[in-house]
Amino acid sequence: MPLYEYRCACGAAFETLVAASKADEQSCPTCGGEHVRRLLSVFSAPRATGSDGAAMMGGGGGCCGGACGNC
């Protein structure tokens, strides 16, 4: 189950684990209200590292990907 973040009309912010099918059916744990808005969550992903522990560069082009020669 994904972790969703919400903000209520009362100003309370909360997060909860909930099935995706019930993500829009949450109520505020502070006031009990149902006027909650699901927020966009930020996340982090681990960086790929080589066997020596150094970060691996992705190829592929674009500036600072090594393709333009300006980096």
PDB file of N, CA and C in Angstrom:
ATOM      1  N   MET A   1       0.848  -1.184   0.000  1.00  0.00           N
ATOM      2  CA  MET A   1       0.000   0.000   0.000  1.00  0.00           C
ATOM      3  C   MET A   1       0.888   1.239   0.000  1.00  0.00           C
ATOM      4  N   PRO A   2       0.509   2.233  -0.792  1.00  0.00           N
ATOM      5  CA  PRO A   2       1.286   3.473  -0.821  1.00  0.00           C
ATOM      6  C   PRO A   2       0.982   4.368   0.369  1.00  0.00           C
ATOM      7  N   LEU A   3       1.934   5.216   0.676  1.00  0.00           N
ATOM      8  CA  LEU A   3       1.794   6.217   1.727  1.00  0.00           C
ATOM      9  C   LEU A   3       1.353   7.516   1.068  1.00  0.00           C
ATOM     10  N   TYR A   4       0.200   8.036   1.447  1.00  0.00           N
ATOM     11  CA  TYR A   4      -0.327   9.278   0.884  1.00  0.00           C
ATOM     12  C   TYR A   4      -0.263  10.379   1.931  1.00  0.00           C
ATOM     13  N   GLU A   5      -0.040  11.606   1.462  1.00  0.00           N
ATOM     14  CA  GLU A   5      -0.050  12.785   2.328  1.00  0.00           C
ATOM     15  C   GLU A   5      -1.302  13.595   2.023  1.00  0.00           C
ATOM     16  N   TYR A   6      -1.897  14.160   3.071  1.00  0.00           N
ATOM     17  CA  TYR A   6      -3.133  14.932   2.942  1.00  0.00           C
ATOM     18  C   TYR A   6      -3.040  16.219   3.741  1.00  0.00           C
ATOM     19  N   ARG A   7      -3.861  17.202   3.376  1.00  0.00           N
ATOM     20  CA  ARG A   7      -4.057  18.411   4.165  1.00  0.00           C
ATOM     21  C   ARG A   7      -5.561  18.648   4.249  1.00  0.00           C
ATOM     22  N   CYS A   8      -6.018  18.933   5.452  1.00  0.00           N
ATOM     23  CA  CYS A   8      -7.443  19.142   5.711  1.00  0.00           C
ATOM     24  C   CYS A   8      -7.770  20.636   5.639  1.00  0.00           C
ATOM     25  N   ALA A   9      -9.037  20.952   5.446  1.00  0.00           N
ATOM     26  CA  ALA A   9      -9.504  22.340   5.452  1.00  0.00           C
ATOM     27  C   ALA A   9      -9.251  23.001   6.804  1.00  0.00           C
ATOM     28  N   CYS A  10      -9.152  22.203   7.876  1.00  0.00           N
ATOM     29  CA  CYS A  10      -8.872  22.754   9.210  1.00  0.00           C
ATOM     30  C   CYS A  10      -7.404  23.135   9.375  1.00  0.00           C
ATOM     31  N   GLY A  11      -6.556  22.770   8.392  1.00  0.00           N
ATOM     32  CA  GLY A  11      -5.135  23.107   8.440  1.00  0.00           C
ATOM     33  C   GLY A  11      -4.240  21.955   8.850  1.00  0.00           C
ATOM     34  N   ALA A  12      -4.815  20.873   9.315  1.00  0.00           N
ATOM     35  CA  ALA A  12      -4.017  19.726   9.742  1.00  0.00           C
ATOM     36  C   ALA A  12      -3.425  19.007   8.531  1.00  0.00           C
ATOM     37  N   ALA A  13      -2.196  18.561   8.673  1.00  0.00           N
ATOM     38  CA  ALA A  13      -1.542  17.753   7.648  1.00  0.00           C
ATOM     39  C   ALA A  13      -1.300  16.376   8.242  1.00  0.00           C
ATOM     40  N   PHE A  14      -1.505  15.340   7.434  1.00  0.00           N
ATOM     41  CA  PHE A  14      -1.283  13.984   7.916  1.00  0.00           C
ATOM     42  C   PHE A  14      -0.940  13.082   6.753  1.00  0.00           C
ATOM     43  N   GLU A  15      -0.397  11.939   7.066  1.00  0.00           N
ATOM     44  CA  GLU A  15      -0.089  10.931   6.058  1.00  0.00           C
ATOM     45  C   GLU A  15      -0.594   9.590   6.551  1.00  0.00           C
ATOM     46  N   THR A  16      -0.934   8.734   5.619  1.00  0.00           N
ATOM     47  CA  THR A  16      -1.477   7.433   5.982  1.00  0.00           C
ATOM     48  C   THR A  16      -1.226   6.412   4.886  1.00  0.00           C
ATOM     49  N   LEU A  17      -1.061   5.172   5.282  1.00  0.00           N
ATOM     50  CA  LEU A  17      -0.978   4.068   4.331  1.00  0.00           C
ATOM     51  C   LEU A  17      -2.396   3.684   3.962  1.00  0.00           C
ATOM     52  N   VAL A  18      -2.675   3.653   2.672  1.00  0.00           N
ATOM     53  CA  VAL A  18      -4.038   3.368   2.247  1.00  0.00           C
ATOM     54  C   VAL A  18      -4.014   2.728   0.864  1.00  0.00           C
ATOM     55  N   ALA A  19      -4.936   1.844   0.624  1.00  0.00           N
ATOM     56  CA  ALA A  19      -5.046   1.230  -0.695  1.00  0.00           C
ATOM     57  C   ALA A  19      -5.346   2.318  -1.723  1.00  0.00           C
ATOM     58  N   ALA A  20      -4.758   2.215  -2.906  1.00  0.00           N
ATOM     59  CA  ALA A  20      -4.931   3.232  -3.941  1.00  0.00           C
ATOM     60  C   ALA A  20      -6.405   3.438  -4.280  1.00  0.00           C
ATOM     61  N   SER A  21      -7.199   2.394  -4.198  1.00  0.00           N
ATOM     62  CA  SER A  21      -8.620   2.511  -4.523  1.00  0.00           C
ATOM     63  C   SER A  21      -9.387   3.333  -3.483  1.00  0.00           C
ATOM     64  N   LYS A  22      -8.826   3.527  -2.296  1.00  0.00           N
ATOM     65  CA  LYS A  22      -9.487   4.290  -1.235  1.00  0.00           C
ATOM     66  C   LYS A  22      -8.769   5.605  -0.943  1.00  0.00           C
ATOM     67  N   ALA A  23      -7.846   6.010  -1.811  1.00  0.00           N
ATOM     68  CA  ALA A  23      -7.028   7.197  -1.565  1.00  0.00           C
ATOM     69  C   ALA A  23      -7.853   8.475  -1.470  1.00  0.00           C
ATOM     70  N   ASP A  24      -8.986   8.537  -2.163  1.00  0.00           N
ATOM     71  CA  ASP A  24      -9.809   9.744  -2.148  1.00  0.00           C
ATOM     72  C   ASP A  24     -10.926   9.692  -1.118  1.00  0.00           C
ATOM     73  N   GLU A  25     -10.927   8.704  -0.240  1.00  0.00           N
ATOM     74  CA  GLU A  25     -12.000   8.526   0.741  1.00  0.00           C
ATOM     75  C   GLU A  25     -11.505   8.716   2.175  1.00  0.00           C
ATOM     76  N   GLN A  26     -10.533   9.596   2.387  1.00  0.00           N
ATOM     77  CA  GLN A  26      -9.953   9.763   3.716  1.00  0.00           C
ATOM     78  C   GLN A  26     -10.623  10.888   4.486  1.00  0.00           C
ATOM     79  N   SER A  27     -10.572  10.792   5.805  1.00  0.00           N
ATOM     80  CA  SER A  27     -11.074  11.859   6.665  1.00  0.00           C
ATOM     81  C   SER A  27      -9.940  12.298   7.584  1.00  0.00           C
ATOM     82  N   CYS A  28     -10.045  13.505   8.085  1.00  0.00           N
ATOM     83  CA  CYS A  28      -9.005  14.105   8.924  1.00  0.00           C
ATOM     84  C   CYS A  28      -8.994  13.467  10.314  1.00  0.00           C
ATOM     85  N   PRO A  29      -7.824  13.006  10.778  1.00  0.00           N
ATOM     86  CA  PRO A  29      -7.761  12.425  12.122  1.00  0.00           C
ATOM     87  C   PRO A  29      -7.867  13.478  13.222  1.00  0.00           C
ATOM     88  N   THR A  30      -7.667  14.761  12.902  1.00  0.00           N
ATOM     89  CA  THR A  30      -7.736  15.823  13.902  1.00  0.00           C
ATOM     90  C   THR A  30      -9.167  16.282  14.148  1.00  0.00           C
ATOM     91  N   CYS A  31      -9.882  16.614  13.054  1.00  0.00           N
ATOM     92  CA  CYS A  31     -11.233  17.164  13.224  1.00  0.00           C
ATOM     93  C   CYS A  31     -12.327  16.209  12.743  1.00  0.00           C
ATOM     94  N   GLY A  32     -11.932  15.143  12.043  1.00  0.00           N
ATOM     95  CA  GLY A  32     -12.916  14.199  11.524  1.00  0.00           C
ATOM     96  C   GLY A  32     -13.562  14.639  10.219  1.00  0.00           C
ATOM     97  N   GLY A  33     -13.165  15.801   9.712  1.00  0.00           N
ATOM     98  CA  GLY A  33     -13.743  16.331   8.485  1.00  0.00           C
ATOM     99  C   GLY A  33     -13.348  15.524   7.256  1.00  0.00           C
ATOM    100  N   GLU A  34     -14.170  15.621   6.246  1.00  0.00           N
ATOM    101  CA  GLU A  34     -13.912  14.900   5.005  1.00  0.00           C
ATOM    102  C   GLU A  34     -13.443  15.811   3.882  1.00  0.00           C
ATOM    103  N   HIS A  35     -13.151  17.056   4.202  1.00  0.00           N
ATOM    104  CA  HIS A  35     -12.661  18.005   3.203  1.00  0.00           C
ATOM    105  C   HIS A  35     -11.132  17.982   3.209  1.00  0.00           C
ATOM    106  N   VAL A  36     -10.583  16.858   2.783  1.00  0.00           N
ATOM    107  CA  VAL A  36      -9.129  16.709   2.743  1.00  0.00           C
ATOM    108  C   VAL A  36      -8.670  16.697   1.292  1.00  0.00           C
ATOM    109  N   ARG A  37      -7.451  17.146   1.089  1.00  0.00           N
ATOM    110  CA  ARG A  37      -6.864  17.199  -0.246  1.00  0.00           C
ATOM    111  C   ARG A  37      -5.588  16.364  -0.247  1.00  0.00           C
ATOM    112  N   ARG A  38      -5.470  15.469  -1.203  1.00  0.00           N
ATOM    113  CA  ARG A  38      -4.262  14.659  -1.319  1.00  0.00           C
ATOM    114  C   ARG A  38      -3.167  15.533  -1.901  1.00  0.00           C
ATOM    115  N   LEU A  39      -1.991  15.489  -1.301  1.00  0.00           N
ATOM    116  CA  LEU A  39      -0.862  16.306  -1.731  1.00  0.00           C
ATOM    117  C   LEU A  39       0.068  15.503  -2.623  1.00  0.00           C
ATOM    118  N   LEU A  40       0.841  16.203  -3.430  1.00  0.00           N
ATOM    119  CA  LEU A  40       1.898  15.556  -4.189  1.00  0.00           C
ATOM    120  C   LEU A  40       3.045  15.277  -3.238  1.00  0.00           C
ATOM    121  N   SER A  41       3.507  14.069  -3.226  1.00  0.00           N
ATOM    122  CA  SER A  41       4.579  13.677  -2.329  1.00  0.00           C
ATOM    123  C   SER A  41       5.915  13.681  -3.066  1.00  0.00           C
ATOM    124  N   VAL A  42       6.960  14.019  -2.342  1.00  0.00           N
ATOM    125  CA  VAL A  42       8.302  13.901  -2.886  1.00  0.00           C
ATOM    126  C   VAL A  42       8.867  12.569  -2.437  1.00  0.00           C
ATOM    127  N   PHE A  43       9.772  12.053  -3.184  1.00  0.00           N
ATOM    128  CA  PHE A  43      10.375  10.789  -2.814  1.00  0.00           C
ATOM    129  C   PHE A  43      11.839  10.824  -3.181  1.00  0.00           C
ATOM    130  N   SER A  44      12.608   9.908  -2.651  1.00  0.00           N
ATOM    131  CA  SER A  44      14.006   9.807  -3.036  1.00  0.00           C
ATOM    132  C   SER A  44      14.267   8.392  -3.499  1.00  0.00           C
ATOM    133  N   ALA A  45      15.215   8.280  -4.382  1.00  0.00           N
ATOM    134  CA  ALA A  45      15.603   6.977  -4.906  1.00  0.00           C
ATOM    135  C   ALA A  45      17.109   6.827  -4.699  1.00  0.00           C
ATOM    136  N   PRO A  46      17.549   5.639  -4.401  1.00  0.00           N
ATOM    137  CA  PRO A  46      18.992   5.455  -4.206  1.00  0.00           C
ATOM    138  C   PRO A  46      19.732   5.682  -5.519  1.00  0.00           C
ATOM    139  N   ARG A  47      20.942   6.205  -5.399  1.00  0.00           N
ATOM    140  CA  ARG A  47      21.776   6.413  -6.580  1.00  0.00           C
ATOM    141  C   ARG A  47      22.484   5.122  -6.916  1.00  0.00           C
ATOM    142  N   ALA A  48      22.653   4.884  -8.196  1.00  0.00           N
ATOM    143  CA  ALA A  48      23.401   3.710  -8.636  1.00  0.00           C
ATOM    144  C   ALA A  48      24.882   3.961  -8.411  1.00  0.00           C
ATOM    145  N   THR A  49      25.564   3.003  -7.818  1.00  0.00           N
ATOM    146  CA  THR A  49      26.999   3.134  -7.598  1.00  0.00           C
ATOM    147  C   THR A  49      27.710   1.925  -8.170  1.00  0.00           C
ATOM    148  N   GLY A  50      28.924   2.139  -8.580  1.00  0.00           N
ATOM    149  CA  GLY A  50      29.744   1.051  -9.098  1.00  0.00           C
ATOM    150  C   GLY A  50      30.343   0.252  -7.960  1.00  0.00           C
ATOM    151  N   SER A  51      31.129  -0.745  -8.286  1.00  0.00           N
ATOM    152  CA  SER A  51      31.728  -1.606  -7.268  1.00  0.00           C
ATOM    153  C   SER A  51      32.716  -0.844  -6.391  1.00  0.00           C
ATOM    154  N   ASP A  52      33.252   0.286  -6.890  1.00  0.00           N
ATOM    155  CA  ASP A  52      34.178   1.081  -6.087  1.00  0.00           C
ATOM    156  C   ASP A  52      33.454   2.117  -5.228  1.00  0.00           C
ATOM    157  N   GLY A  53      32.122   2.156  -5.281  1.00  0.00           N
ATOM    158  CA  GLY A  53      31.339   3.084  -4.474  1.00  0.00           C
ATOM    159  C   GLY A  53      31.114   4.426  -5.141  1.00  0.00           C
ATOM    160  N   ALA A  54      31.734   4.657  -6.296  1.00  0.00           N
ATOM    161  CA  ALA A  54      31.556   5.932  -6.991  1.00  0.00           C
ATOM    162  C   ALA A  54      30.239   5.926  -7.753  1.00  0.00           C
ATOM    163  N   ALA A  55      29.624   7.090  -7.834  1.00  0.00           N
ATOM    164  CA  ALA A  55      28.366   7.204  -8.569  1.00  0.00           C
ATOM    165  C   ALA A  55      28.604   6.920 -10.037  1.00  0.00           C
ATOM    166  N   MET A  56      27.699   6.175 -10.615  1.00  0.00           N
ATOM    167  CA  MET A  56      27.810   5.839 -12.036  1.00  0.00           C
ATOM    168  C   MET A  56      27.147   6.931 -12.855  1.00  0.00           C
ATOM    169  N   MET A  57      27.796   7.349 -13.916  1.00  0.00           N
ATOM    170  CA  MET A  57      27.235   8.352 -14.816  1.00  0.00           C
ATOM    171  C   MET A  57      26.332   7.654 -15.810  1.00  0.00           C
ATOM    172  N   GLY A  58      25.188   8.212 -16.011  1.00  0.00           N
ATOM    173  CA  GLY A  58      24.312   7.689 -17.048  1.00  0.00           C
ATOM    174  C   GLY A  58      24.742   8.250 -18.388  1.00  0.00           C
ATOM    175  N   GLY A  59      24.759   7.451 -19.383  1.00  0.00           N
ATOM    176  CA  GLY A  59      25.074   7.954 -20.707  1.00  0.00           C
ATOM    177  C   GLY A  59      23.815   8.523 -21.315  1.00  0.00           C
ATOM    178  N   GLY A  60      23.851   8.825 -22.520  1.00  0.00           N
ATOM    179  CA  GLY A  60      22.602   9.160 -23.135  1.00  0.00           C
ATOM    180  C   GLY A  60      22.490  10.517 -23.740  1.00  0.00           C
ATOM    181  N   GLY A  61      23.283  11.449 -23.463  1.00  0.00           N
ATOM    182  CA  GLY A  61      23.143  12.718 -24.145  1.00  0.00           C
ATOM    183  C   GLY A  61      22.500  13.778 -23.282  1.00  0.00           C
ATOM    184  N   GLY A  62      22.268  14.895 -23.892  1.00  0.00           N
ATOM    185  CA  GLY A  62      21.796  16.026 -23.130  1.00  0.00           C
ATOM    186  C   GLY A  62      22.986  16.698 -22.473  1.00  0.00           C
ATOM    187  N   CYS A  63      22.829  17.932 -22.139  1.00  0.00           N
ATOM    188  CA  CYS A  63      23.933  18.654 -21.519  1.00  0.00           C
ATOM    189  C   CYS A  63      24.301  18.019 -20.176  1.00  0.00           C
ATOM    190  N   CYS A  64      25.539  17.944 -19.898  1.00  0.00           N
ATOM    191  CA  CYS A  64      26.121  17.354 -18.693  1.00  0.00           C
ATOM    192  C   CYS A  64      25.907  15.853 -18.603  1.00  0.00           C
ATOM    193  N   GLY A  65      25.494  15.255 -19.684  1.00  0.00           N
ATOM    194  CA  GLY A  65      25.485  13.813 -19.800  1.00  0.00           C
ATOM    195  C   GLY A  65      26.732  13.362 -20.545  1.00  0.00           C
ATOM    196  N   GLY A  66      27.555  14.342 -20.919  1.00  0.00           N
ATOM    197  CA  GLY A  66      28.798  14.056 -21.607  1.00  0.00           C
ATOM    198  C   GLY A  66      28.710  14.153 -23.114  1.00  0.00           C
ATOM    199  N   ALA A  67      27.531  14.330 -23.664  1.00  0.00           N
ATOM    200  CA  ALA A  67      27.374  14.318 -25.112  1.00  0.00           C
ATOM    201  C   ALA A  67      27.701  15.650 -25.772  1.00  0.00           C
ATOM    202  N   CYS A  68      27.544  16.748 -25.055  1.00  0.00           N
ATOM    203  CA  CYS A  68      27.708  18.047 -25.704  1.00  0.00           C
ATOM    204  C   CYS A  68      29.146  18.543 -25.687  1.00  0.00           C
ATOM    205  N   GLY A  69      29.999  17.994 -24.840  1.00  0.00           N
ATOM    206  CA  GLY A  69      31.387  18.441 -24.767  1.00  0.00           C
ATOM    207  C   GLY A  69      31.588  19.688 -23.951  1.00  0.00           C
ATOM    208  N   ASN A  70      30.546  20.263 -23.389  1.00  0.00           N
ATOM    209  CA  ASN A  70      30.667  21.483 -22.576  1.00  0.00           C
ATOM    210  C   ASN A  70      30.819  21.183 -21.097  1.00  0.00           C
ATOM    211  N   CYS A  71      30.808  19.943 -20.721  1.00  0.00           N
ATOM    212  CA  CYS A  71      30.823  19.597 -19.303  1.00  0.00           C
ATOM    213  C   CYS A  71      32.219  19.311 -18.813  1.00  0.00           C
TER     214      CYS A  71
END
